Structure formats: C-alpha cells, structure tokens
Full PDB file with SEQRES, HELIX, SHEET, SSBOND, CRYST1, ORIGX, SCALE, CONECT and MASTER records, all heavy atoms in Angstrom:
SEQRES   1 A   37  GLN LYS ILE LEU LYS ILE ASP ASN GLU ILE SER LYS PHE          
SEQRES   2 A   37  GLY VAL VAL SER LYS GLN VAL ALA GLU SER MET ALA LYS          
SEQRES   3 A   37  ASN ALA ILE LYS PHE SER ASN ASP LYS SER THR                  
HELIX    1 AA1 ASP A    7  PHE A   13  1                                   7    
HELIX    2 AA2 LYS A   18  ALA A   28  1                                  11    
HELIX    3 AA3 ILE A   29  PHE A   31  5                                   3    
CRYST1    1.000    1.000    1.000  90.00  90.00  90.00 P 1           1          
ORIGX1      1.000000  0.000000  0.000000        0.00000                         
ORIGX2      0.000000  1.000000  0.000000        0.00000                         
ORIGX3      0.000000  0.000000  1.000000        0.00000                         
SCALE1      1.000000  0.000000  0.000000        0.00000                         
SCALE2      0.000000  1.000000  0.000000        0.00000                         
SCALE3      0.000000  0.000000  1.000000        0.00000                         
ATOM      1  N   GLN A   1      22.180  -7.737  -9.500  1.00  0.00           N  
ATOM      2  CA  GLN A   1      21.385  -8.968  -9.475  1.00  0.00           C  
ATOM      3  C   GLN A   1      21.209  -9.492  -8.050  1.00  0.00           C  
ATOM      4  O   GLN A   1      20.099  -9.823  -7.636  1.00  0.00           O  
ATOM      5  CB  GLN A   1      22.045 -10.028 -10.357  1.00  0.00           C  
ATOM      6  CG  GLN A   1      21.988  -9.664 -11.830  1.00  0.00           C  
ATOM      7  CD  GLN A   1      22.931 -10.476 -12.703  1.00  0.00           C  
ATOM      8  OE1 GLN A   1      23.927 -11.007 -12.240  1.00  0.00           O  
ATOM      9  NE2 GLN A   1      22.612 -10.554 -13.988  1.00  0.00           N  
ATOM     10  N   LYS A   2      22.281  -9.540  -7.286  1.00  0.00           N  
ATOM     11  CA  LYS A   2      22.218 -10.107  -5.934  1.00  0.00           C  
ATOM     12  C   LYS A   2      21.493  -9.214  -4.935  1.00  0.00           C  
ATOM     13  O   LYS A   2      20.696  -9.682  -4.134  1.00  0.00           O  
ATOM     14  CB  LYS A   2      23.633 -10.395  -5.412  1.00  0.00           C  
ATOM     15  CG  LYS A   2      24.280 -11.572  -6.081  1.00  0.00           C  
ATOM     16  CD  LYS A   2      25.685 -11.785  -5.566  1.00  0.00           C  
ATOM     17  CE  LYS A   2      26.361 -12.906  -6.328  1.00  0.00           C  
ATOM     18  NZ  LYS A   2      27.777 -13.036  -5.982  1.00  0.00           N  
ATOM     19  N   ILE A   3      21.774  -7.925  -4.961  1.00  0.00           N  
ATOM     20  CA  ILE A   3      21.208  -7.020  -3.963  1.00  0.00           C  
ATOM     21  C   ILE A   3      19.820  -6.526  -4.376  1.00  0.00           C  
ATOM     22  O   ILE A   3      18.890  -6.535  -3.578  1.00  0.00           O  
ATOM     23  CB  ILE A   3      22.157  -5.833  -3.697  1.00  0.00           C  
ATOM     24  CG1 ILE A   3      23.479  -6.349  -3.114  1.00  0.00           C  
ATOM     25  CG2 ILE A   3      21.516  -4.809  -2.760  1.00  0.00           C  
ATOM     26  CD1 ILE A   3      24.598  -5.344  -3.086  1.00  0.00           C  
ATOM     27  N   LEU A   4      19.697  -6.096  -5.616  1.00  0.00           N  
ATOM     28  CA  LEU A   4      18.444  -5.490  -6.068  1.00  0.00           C  
ATOM     29  C   LEU A   4      17.523  -6.459  -6.812  1.00  0.00           C  
ATOM     30  O   LEU A   4      16.413  -6.080  -7.185  1.00  0.00           O  
ATOM     31  CB  LEU A   4      18.734  -4.258  -6.934  1.00  0.00           C  
ATOM     32  CG  LEU A   4      19.445  -3.131  -6.200  1.00  0.00           C  
ATOM     33  CD1 LEU A   4      19.823  -2.018  -7.164  1.00  0.00           C  
ATOM     34  CD2 LEU A   4      18.592  -2.582  -5.063  1.00  0.00           C  
ATOM     35  N   LYS A   5      18.004  -7.672  -7.042  1.00  0.00           N  
ATOM     36  CA  LYS A   5      17.176  -8.732  -7.642  1.00  0.00           C  
ATOM     37  C   LYS A   5      16.611  -8.340  -9.009  1.00  0.00           C  
ATOM     38  O   LYS A   5      15.416  -8.482  -9.274  1.00  0.00           O  
ATOM     39  CB  LYS A   5      16.016  -9.121  -6.712  1.00  0.00           C  
ATOM     40  CG  LYS A   5      16.415  -9.392  -5.276  1.00  0.00           C  
ATOM     41  CD  LYS A   5      17.172 -10.667  -5.145  1.00  0.00           C  
ATOM     42  CE  LYS A   5      17.432 -10.984  -3.683  1.00  0.00           C  
ATOM     43  NZ  LYS A   5      18.623 -11.726  -3.452  1.00  0.00           N  
ATOM     44  N   ILE A   6      17.490  -7.851  -9.886  1.00  0.00           N  
ATOM     45  CA  ILE A   6      17.019  -7.434 -11.207  1.00  0.00           C  
ATOM     46  C   ILE A   6      17.679  -8.244 -12.327  1.00  0.00           C  
ATOM     47  O   ILE A   6      17.984  -7.714 -13.399  1.00  0.00           O  
ATOM     48  CB  ILE A   6      17.191  -5.914 -11.412  1.00  0.00           C  
ATOM     49  CG1 ILE A   6      18.635  -5.467 -11.211  1.00  0.00           C  
ATOM     50  CG2 ILE A   6      16.259  -5.128 -10.516  1.00  0.00           C  
ATOM     51  CD1 ILE A   6      18.875  -4.016 -11.584  1.00  0.00           C  
ATOM     52  N   ASP A   7      17.841  -9.540 -12.105  1.00  0.00           N  
ATOM     53  CA  ASP A   7      18.450 -10.433 -13.096  1.00  0.00           C  
ATOM     54  C   ASP A   7      17.724 -10.378 -14.435  1.00  0.00           C  
ATOM     55  O   ASP A   7      18.347 -10.232 -15.490  1.00  0.00           O  
ATOM     56  CB  ASP A   7      18.416 -11.892 -12.619  1.00  0.00           C  
ATOM     57  CG  ASP A   7      18.875 -12.092 -11.203  1.00  0.00           C  
ATOM     58  OD1 ASP A   7      18.579 -11.254 -10.345  1.00  0.00           O  
ATOM     59  OD2 ASP A   7      19.534 -13.102 -10.965  1.00  0.00           O  
ATOM     60  N   ASN A   8      16.390 -10.509 -14.382  1.00  0.00           N  
ATOM     61  CA  ASN A   8      15.602 -10.574 -15.612  1.00  0.00           C  
ATOM     62  C   ASN A   8      15.706  -9.287 -16.423  1.00  0.00           C  
ATOM     63  O   ASN A   8      15.817  -9.337 -17.650  1.00  0.00           O  
ATOM     64  CB  ASN A   8      14.133 -10.872 -15.298  1.00  0.00           C  
ATOM     65  CG  ASN A   8      13.948 -12.246 -14.707  1.00  0.00           C  
ATOM     66  OD1 ASN A   8      14.759 -13.149 -14.925  1.00  0.00           O  
ATOM     67  ND2 ASN A   8      12.874 -12.426 -13.955  1.00  0.00           N  
ATOM     68  N   GLU A   9      15.657  -8.154 -15.764  1.00  0.00           N  
ATOM     69  CA  GLU A   9      15.720  -6.872 -16.461  1.00  0.00           C  
ATOM     70  C   GLU A   9      17.064  -6.696 -17.164  1.00  0.00           C  
ATOM     71  O   GLU A   9      17.124  -6.242 -18.305  1.00  0.00           O  
ATOM     72  CB  GLU A   9      15.484  -5.706 -15.497  1.00  0.00           C  
ATOM     73  CG  GLU A   9      14.078  -5.626 -14.937  1.00  0.00           C  
ATOM     74  CD  GLU A   9      13.850  -6.476 -13.684  1.00  0.00           C  
ATOM     75  OE1 GLU A   9      14.661  -7.376 -13.393  1.00  0.00           O  
ATOM     76  OE2 GLU A   9      12.845  -6.233 -12.999  1.00  0.00           O  
ATOM     77  N   ILE A  10      18.144  -7.074 -16.477  1.00  0.00           N  
ATOM     78  CA  ILE A  10      19.479  -6.955 -17.079  1.00  0.00           C  
ATOM     79  C   ILE A  10      19.593  -7.880 -18.283  1.00  0.00           C  
ATOM     80  O   ILE A  10      20.074  -7.479 -19.341  1.00  0.00           O  
ATOM     81  CB  ILE A  10      20.584  -7.236 -16.034  1.00  0.00           C  
ATOM     82  CG1 ILE A  10      20.612  -6.112 -14.993  1.00  0.00           C  
ATOM     83  CG2 ILE A  10      21.948  -7.363 -16.720  1.00  0.00           C  
ATOM     84  CD1 ILE A  10      21.521  -6.367 -13.811  1.00  0.00           C  
ATOM     85  N   SER A  11      19.143  -9.117 -18.128  1.00  0.00           N  
ATOM     86  CA  SER A  11      19.217 -10.089 -19.226  1.00  0.00           C  
ATOM     87  C   SER A  11      18.394  -9.646 -20.428  1.00  0.00           C  
ATOM     88  O   SER A  11      18.823  -9.777 -21.570  1.00  0.00           O  
ATOM     89  CB  SER A  11      18.725 -11.459 -18.767  1.00  0.00           C  
ATOM     90  OG  SER A  11      19.540 -11.945 -17.747  1.00  0.00           O  
ATOM     91  N   LYS A  12      17.209  -9.146 -20.163  1.00  0.00           N  
ATOM     92  CA  LYS A  12      16.278  -8.814 -21.235  1.00  0.00           C  
ATOM     93  C   LYS A  12      16.565  -7.471 -21.910  1.00  0.00           C  
ATOM     94  O   LYS A  12      16.470  -7.351 -23.131  1.00  0.00           O  
ATOM     95  CB  LYS A  12      14.852  -8.815 -20.679  1.00  0.00           C  
ATOM     96  CG  LYS A  12      13.775  -8.760 -21.722  1.00  0.00           C  
ATOM     97  CD  LYS A  12      12.406  -8.995 -21.093  1.00  0.00           C  
ATOM     98  CE  LYS A  12      11.317  -8.974 -22.139  1.00  0.00           C  
ATOM     99  NZ  LYS A  12       9.989  -9.179 -21.563  1.00  0.00           N  
ATOM    100  N   PHE A  13      16.930  -6.451 -21.125  1.00  0.00           N  
ATOM    101  CA  PHE A  13      17.036  -5.092 -21.659  1.00  0.00           C  
ATOM    102  C   PHE A  13      18.457  -4.525 -21.665  1.00  0.00           C  
ATOM    103  O   PHE A  13      18.694  -3.498 -22.267  1.00  0.00           O  
ATOM    104  CB  PHE A  13      16.132  -4.142 -20.865  1.00  0.00           C  
ATOM    105  CG  PHE A  13      14.696  -4.555 -20.858  1.00  0.00           C  
ATOM    106  CD1 PHE A  13      14.130  -5.120 -19.722  1.00  0.00           C  
ATOM    107  CD2 PHE A  13      13.904  -4.405 -21.989  1.00  0.00           C  
ATOM    108  CE1 PHE A  13      12.801  -5.517 -19.705  1.00  0.00           C  
ATOM    109  CE2 PHE A  13      12.581  -4.803 -21.984  1.00  0.00           C  
ATOM    110  CZ  PHE A  13      12.027  -5.358 -20.846  1.00  0.00           C  
ATOM    111  N   GLY A  14      19.382  -5.140 -20.951  1.00  0.00           N  
ATOM    112  CA  GLY A  14      20.735  -4.614 -20.827  1.00  0.00           C  
ATOM    113  C   GLY A  14      20.837  -3.716 -19.605  1.00  0.00           C  
ATOM    114  O   GLY A  14      19.848  -3.132 -19.164  1.00  0.00           O  
ATOM    115  N   VAL A  15      22.045  -3.614 -19.079  1.00  0.00           N  
ATOM    116  CA  VAL A  15      22.244  -2.891 -17.822  1.00  0.00           C  
ATOM    117  C   VAL A  15      21.996  -1.387 -17.968  1.00  0.00           C  
ATOM    118  O   VAL A  15      21.580  -0.728 -17.018  1.00  0.00           O  
ATOM    119  CB  VAL A  15      23.635  -3.199 -17.218  1.00  0.00           C  
ATOM    120  CG1 VAL A  15      24.751  -2.559 -18.035  1.00  0.00           C  
ATOM    121  CG2 VAL A  15      23.716  -2.776 -15.770  1.00  0.00           C  
ATOM    122  N   VAL A  16      22.236  -0.835 -19.126  1.00  0.00           N  
ATOM    123  CA  VAL A  16      21.966   0.582 -19.364  1.00  0.00           C  
ATOM    124  C   VAL A  16      20.616   0.671 -20.078  1.00  0.00           C  
ATOM    125  O   VAL A  16      20.537   0.644 -21.301  1.00  0.00           O  
ATOM    126  CB  VAL A  16      23.089   1.250 -20.194  1.00  0.00           C  
ATOM    127  CG1 VAL A  16      22.788   2.726 -20.423  1.00  0.00           C  
ATOM    128  CG2 VAL A  16      24.432   1.096 -19.493  1.00  0.00           C  
ATOM    129  N   SER A  17      19.562   0.711 -19.273  1.00  0.00           N  
ATOM    130  CA  SER A  17      18.205   0.717 -19.836  1.00  0.00           C  
ATOM    131  C   SER A  17      17.226   1.366 -18.867  1.00  0.00           C  
ATOM    132  O   SER A  17      17.462   1.427 -17.662  1.00  0.00           O  
ATOM    133  CB  SER A  17      17.742  -0.707 -20.149  1.00  0.00           C  
ATOM    134  OG  SER A  17      17.600  -1.461 -18.964  1.00  0.00           O  
ATOM    135  N   LYS A  18      16.130   1.799 -19.446  1.00  0.00           N  
ATOM    136  CA  LYS A  18      15.028   2.384 -18.678  1.00  0.00           C  
ATOM    137  C   LYS A  18      14.510   1.380 -17.648  1.00  0.00           C  
ATOM    138  O   LYS A  18      14.259   1.712 -16.492  1.00  0.00           O  
ATOM    139  CB  LYS A  18      13.938   2.772 -19.670  1.00  0.00           C  
ATOM    140  CG  LYS A  18      12.591   2.995 -19.117  1.00  0.00           C  
ATOM    141  CD  LYS A  18      11.567   3.149 -20.233  1.00  0.00           C  
ATOM    142  CE  LYS A  18      10.197   3.034 -19.614  1.00  0.00           C  
ATOM    143  NZ  LYS A  18       9.117   3.372 -20.476  1.00  0.00           N  
ATOM    144  N   GLN A  19      14.352   0.136 -18.070  1.00  0.00           N  
ATOM    145  CA  GLN A  19      13.784  -0.900 -17.204  1.00  0.00           C  
ATOM    146  C   GLN A  19      14.682  -1.182 -16.000  1.00  0.00           C  
ATOM    147  O   GLN A  19      14.187  -1.386 -14.887  1.00  0.00           O  
ATOM    148  CB  GLN A  19      13.539  -2.177 -18.007  1.00  0.00           C  
ATOM    149  CG  GLN A  19      12.485  -2.026 -19.074  1.00  0.00           C  
ATOM    150  CD  GLN A  19      13.000  -1.422 -20.394  1.00  0.00           C  
ATOM    151  OE1 GLN A  19      14.156  -1.041 -20.528  1.00  0.00           O  
ATOM    152  NE2 GLN A  19      12.114  -1.334 -21.376  1.00  0.00           N  
ATOM    153  N   VAL A  20      15.991  -1.197 -16.210  1.00  0.00           N  
ATOM    154  CA  VAL A  20      16.925  -1.433 -15.107  1.00  0.00           C  
ATOM    155  C   VAL A  20      16.882  -0.261 -14.129  1.00  0.00           C  
ATOM    156  O   VAL A  20      16.827  -0.461 -12.914  1.00  0.00           O  
ATOM    157  CB  VAL A  20      18.350  -1.717 -15.628  1.00  0.00           C  
ATOM    158  CG1 VAL A  20      19.383  -1.607 -14.507  1.00  0.00           C  
ATOM    159  CG2 VAL A  20      18.409  -3.104 -16.259  1.00  0.00           C  
ATOM    160  N   ALA A  21      16.869   0.969 -14.637  1.00  0.00           N  
ATOM    161  CA  ALA A  21      16.808   2.145 -13.751  1.00  0.00           C  
ATOM    162  C   ALA A  21      15.530   2.129 -12.920  1.00  0.00           C  
ATOM    163  O   ALA A  21      15.567   2.366 -11.704  1.00  0.00           O  
ATOM    164  CB  ALA A  21      16.893   3.430 -14.569  1.00  0.00           C  
ATOM    165  N   GLU A  22      14.391   1.831 -13.542  1.00  0.00           N  
ATOM    166  CA  GLU A  22      13.116   1.760 -12.817  1.00  0.00           C  
ATOM    167  C   GLU A  22      13.160   0.685 -11.743  1.00  0.00           C  
ATOM    168  O   GLU A  22      12.726   0.917 -10.610  1.00  0.00           O  
ATOM    169  CB  GLU A  22      11.964   1.440 -13.780  1.00  0.00           C  
ATOM    170  CG  GLU A  22      11.500   2.585 -14.608  1.00  0.00           C  
ATOM    171  CD  GLU A  22      10.383   2.207 -15.576  1.00  0.00           C  
ATOM    172  OE1 GLU A  22       9.937   1.035 -15.577  1.00  0.00           O  
ATOM    173  OE2 GLU A  22       9.954   3.086 -16.332  1.00  0.00           O  
ATOM    174  N   SER A  23      13.663  -0.479 -12.107  1.00  0.00           N  
ATOM    175  CA  SER A  23      13.704  -1.599 -11.156  1.00  0.00           C  
ATOM    176  C   SER A  23      14.678  -1.350 -10.017  1.00  0.00           C  
ATOM    177  O   SER A  23      14.430  -1.759  -8.877  1.00  0.00           O  
ATOM    178  CB  SER A  23      14.058  -2.901 -11.878  1.00  0.00           C  
ATOM    179  OG  SER A  23      13.016  -3.240 -12.765  1.00  0.00           O  
ATOM    180  N   MET A  24      15.778  -0.684 -10.297  1.00  0.00           N  
ATOM    181  CA  MET A  24      16.728  -0.343  -9.231  1.00  0.00           C  
ATOM    182  C   MET A  24      16.045   0.517  -8.175  1.00  0.00           C  
ATOM    183  O   MET A  24      16.163   0.254  -6.973  1.00  0.00           O  
ATOM    184  CB  MET A  24      17.955   0.388  -9.802  1.00  0.00           C  
ATOM    185  CG  MET A  24      18.910  -0.489 -10.576  1.00  0.00           C  
ATOM    186  SD  MET A  24      20.231   0.454 -11.396  1.00  0.00           S  
ATOM    187  CE  MET A  24      21.206   1.007  -9.973  1.00  0.00           C  
ATOM    188  N   ALA A  25      15.319   1.541  -8.609  1.00  0.00           N  
ATOM    189  CA  ALA A  25      14.629   2.427  -7.657  1.00  0.00           C  
ATOM    190  C   ALA A  25      13.504   1.690  -6.944  1.00  0.00           C  
ATOM    191  O   ALA A  25      13.343   1.811  -5.724  1.00  0.00           O  
ATOM    192  CB  ALA A  25      14.088   3.662  -8.380  1.00  0.00           C  
ATOM    193  N   LYS A  26      12.729   0.932  -7.694  1.00  0.00           N  
ATOM    194  CA  LYS A  26      11.592   0.198  -7.113  1.00  0.00           C  
ATOM    195  C   LYS A  26      12.058  -0.802  -6.047  1.00  0.00           C  
ATOM    196  O   LYS A  26      11.457  -0.904  -4.975  1.00  0.00           O  
ATOM    197  CB  LYS A  26      10.851  -0.539  -8.226  1.00  0.00           C  
ATOM    198  CG  LYS A  26       9.670  -1.338  -7.757  1.00  0.00           C  
ATOM    199  CD  LYS A  26       9.021  -2.051  -8.932  1.00  0.00           C  
ATOM    200  CE  LYS A  26       8.273  -3.255  -8.433  1.00  0.00           C  
ATOM    201  NZ  LYS A  26       8.361  -4.383  -9.314  1.00  0.00           N  
ATOM    202  N   ASN A  27      13.128  -1.506  -6.317  1.00  0.00           N  
ATOM    203  CA  ASN A  27      13.605  -2.515  -5.369  1.00  0.00           C  
ATOM    204  C   ASN A  27      14.408  -1.909  -4.227  1.00  0.00           C  
ATOM    205  O   ASN A  27      14.403  -2.450  -3.120  1.00  0.00           O  
ATOM    206  CB  ASN A  27      14.386  -3.596  -6.096  1.00  0.00           C  
ATOM    207  CG  ASN A  27      13.484  -4.427  -6.999  1.00  0.00           C  
ATOM    208  OD1 ASN A  27      12.263  -4.266  -7.004  1.00  0.00           O  
ATOM    209  ND2 ASN A  27      14.060  -5.309  -7.774  1.00  0.00           N  
ATOM    210  N   ALA A  28      15.056  -0.778  -4.454  1.00  0.00           N  
ATOM    211  CA  ALA A  28      15.800  -0.119  -3.369  1.00  0.00           C  
ATOM    212  C   ALA A  28      14.851   0.403  -2.306  1.00  0.00           C  
ATOM    213  O   ALA A  28      15.141   0.319  -1.108  1.00  0.00           O  
ATOM    214  CB  ALA A  28      16.654   1.015  -3.921  1.00  0.00           C  
ATOM    215  N   ILE A  29      13.718   0.928  -2.721  1.00  0.00           N  
ATOM    216  CA  ILE A  29      12.772   1.527  -1.768  1.00  0.00           C  
ATOM    217  C   ILE A  29      12.254   0.478  -0.780  1.00  0.00           C  
ATOM    218  O   ILE A  29      11.852   0.813   0.329  1.00  0.00           O  
ATOM    219  CB  ILE A  29      11.625   2.255  -2.506  1.00  0.00           C  
ATOM    220  CG1 ILE A  29      11.097   3.392  -1.636  1.00  0.00           C  
ATOM    221  CG2 ILE A  29      10.515   1.316  -2.923  1.00  0.00           C  
ATOM    222  CD1 ILE A  29      10.216   4.369  -2.391  1.00  0.00           C  
ATOM    223  N   LYS A  30      12.317  -0.770  -1.150  1.00  0.00           N  
ATOM    224  CA  LYS A  30      11.842  -1.850  -0.270  1.00  0.00           C  
ATOM    225  C   LYS A  30      12.689  -1.969   1.001  1.00  0.00           C  
ATOM    226  O   LYS A  30      12.237  -2.534   1.990  1.00  0.00           O  
ATOM    227  CB  LYS A  30      11.852  -3.186  -1.014  1.00  0.00           C  
ATOM    228  CG  LYS A  30      10.841  -3.255  -2.136  1.00  0.00           C  
ATOM    229  CD  LYS A  30      10.961  -4.553  -2.895  1.00  0.00           C  
ATOM    230  CE  LYS A  30      10.014  -4.579  -4.080  1.00  0.00           C  
ATOM    231  NZ  LYS A  30      10.180  -5.811  -4.864  1.00  0.00           N  
ATOM    232  N   PHE A  31      13.901  -1.438   0.985  1.00  0.00           N  
ATOM    233  CA  PHE A  31      14.773  -1.498   2.158  1.00  0.00           C  
ATOM    234  C   PHE A  31      14.450  -0.423   3.196  1.00  0.00           C  
ATOM    235  O   PHE A  31      14.992  -0.423   4.285  1.00  0.00           O  
ATOM    236  CB  PHE A  31      16.249  -1.375   1.753  1.00  0.00           C  
ATOM    237  CG  PHE A  31      16.763  -2.539   0.957  1.00  0.00           C  
ATOM    238  CD1 PHE A  31      17.028  -2.412  -0.395  1.00  0.00           C  
ATOM    239  CD2 PHE A  31      16.986  -3.769   1.555  1.00  0.00           C  
ATOM    240  CE1 PHE A  31      17.512  -3.471  -1.135  1.00  0.00           C  
ATOM    241  CE2 PHE A  31      17.469  -4.843   0.823  1.00  0.00           C  
ATOM    242  CZ  PHE A  31      17.730  -4.697  -0.528  1.00  0.00           C  
ATOM    243  N   SER A  32      13.604   0.519   2.830  1.00  0.00           N  
ATOM    244  CA  SER A  32      13.286   1.624   3.731  1.00  0.00           C  
ATOM    245  C   SER A  32      12.034   1.317   4.554  1.00  0.00           C  
ATOM    246  O   SER A  32      11.071   0.753   4.045  1.00  0.00           O  
ATOM    247  CB  SER A  32      13.046   2.909   2.935  1.00  0.00           C  
ATOM    248  OG  SER A  32      12.740   3.959   3.819  1.00  0.00           O  
ATOM    249  N   ASN A  33      12.057   1.725   5.814  1.00  0.00           N  
ATOM    250  CA  ASN A  33      10.900   1.581   6.692  1.00  0.00           C  
ATOM    251  C   ASN A  33      10.131   2.886   6.855  1.00  0.00           C  
ATOM    252  O   ASN A  33       9.134   2.936   7.567  1.00  0.00           O  
ATOM    253  CB  ASN A  33      11.336   1.086   8.078  1.00  0.00           C  
ATOM    254  CG  ASN A  33      11.866  -0.326   8.019  1.00  0.00           C  
ATOM    255  OD1 ASN A  33      11.375  -1.156   7.259  1.00  0.00           O  
ATOM    256  ND2 ASN A  33      12.886  -0.603   8.805  1.00  0.00           N  
ATOM    257  N   ASP A  34      10.610   3.936   6.204  1.00  0.00           N  
ATOM    258  CA  ASP A  34       9.966   5.234   6.335  1.00  0.00           C  
ATOM    259  C   ASP A  34       8.690   5.298   5.506  1.00  0.00           C  
ATOM    260  O   ASP A  34       8.579   4.676   4.455  1.00  0.00           O  
ATOM    261  CB  ASP A  34      10.933   6.347   5.919  1.00  0.00           C  
ATOM    262  CG  ASP A  34      12.003   6.546   6.961  1.00  0.00           C  
ATOM    263  OD1 ASP A  34      11.689   7.113   8.018  1.00  0.00           O  
ATOM    264  OD2 ASP A  34      13.144   6.112   6.731  1.00  0.00           O  
ATOM    265  N   LYS A  35       7.735   6.089   5.982  1.00  0.00           N  
ATOM    266  CA  LYS A  35       6.439   6.199   5.314  1.00  0.00           C  
ATOM    267  C   LYS A  35       6.534   6.996   4.021  1.00  0.00           C  
ATOM    268  O   LYS A  35       5.868   6.689   3.048  1.00  0.00           O  
ATOM    269  CB  LYS A  35       5.417   6.844   6.251  1.00  0.00           C  
ATOM    270  CG  LYS A  35       5.051   5.953   7.413  1.00  0.00           C  
ATOM    271  CD  LYS A  35       4.106   6.659   8.364  1.00  0.00           C  
ATOM    272  CE  LYS A  35       3.880   5.750   9.572  1.00  0.00           C  
ATOM    273  NZ  LYS A  35       3.253   6.459  10.665  1.00  0.00           N  
ATOM    274  N   SER A  36       7.321   8.051   4.019  1.00  0.00           N  
ATOM    275  CA  SER A  36       7.455   8.895   2.843  1.00  0.00           C  
ATOM    276  C   SER A  36       8.899   8.836   2.357  1.00  0.00           C  
ATOM    277  O   SER A  36       9.801   9.391   2.991  1.00  0.00           O  
ATOM    278  CB  SER A  36       7.060  10.332   3.181  1.00  0.00           C  
ATOM    279  OG  SER A  36       7.064  11.117   2.025  1.00  0.00           O  
ATOM    280  N   THR A  37       9.086   8.126   1.257  1.00  0.00           N  
ATOM    281  CA  THR A  37      10.436   7.879   0.755  1.00  0.00           C  
ATOM    282  C   THR A  37      10.510   8.138  -0.743  1.00  0.00           C  
ATOM    283  O   THR A  37       9.636   7.715  -1.495  1.00  0.00           O  
ATOM    284  CB  THR A  37      10.854   6.417   1.025  1.00  0.00           C  
ATOM    285  OG1 THR A  37      10.717   6.145   2.422  1.00  0.00           O  
ATOM    286  CG2 THR A  37      12.276   6.154   0.616  1.00  0.00           C  
TER     287      THR A  37                                                      
MASTER        0    0    0    3    0    0    0    6  286    1    0    3          
END                                                                             
C-alpha cells in the first residue's frame, strides 16, 4: 500500500489476486527511467 499505492486493489480483490499482481507491476515500472523496461 505505501510503496506501490495499491490500497484499493487489496481492499477490493484481496492481496492474492490478478488485480494486485497487475497493479504491482504497473506501479513498479514507474520507478524506472529506462526507455525499455
């Protein structure tokens, strides 16, 4: 929740879910400055 900002996904779908996995990857990529990641 704090690092990846996925509070809503965890609350709505549970921590072991497709939506949480997608959001983890989507929000993690935001920390990269590389063009192809």
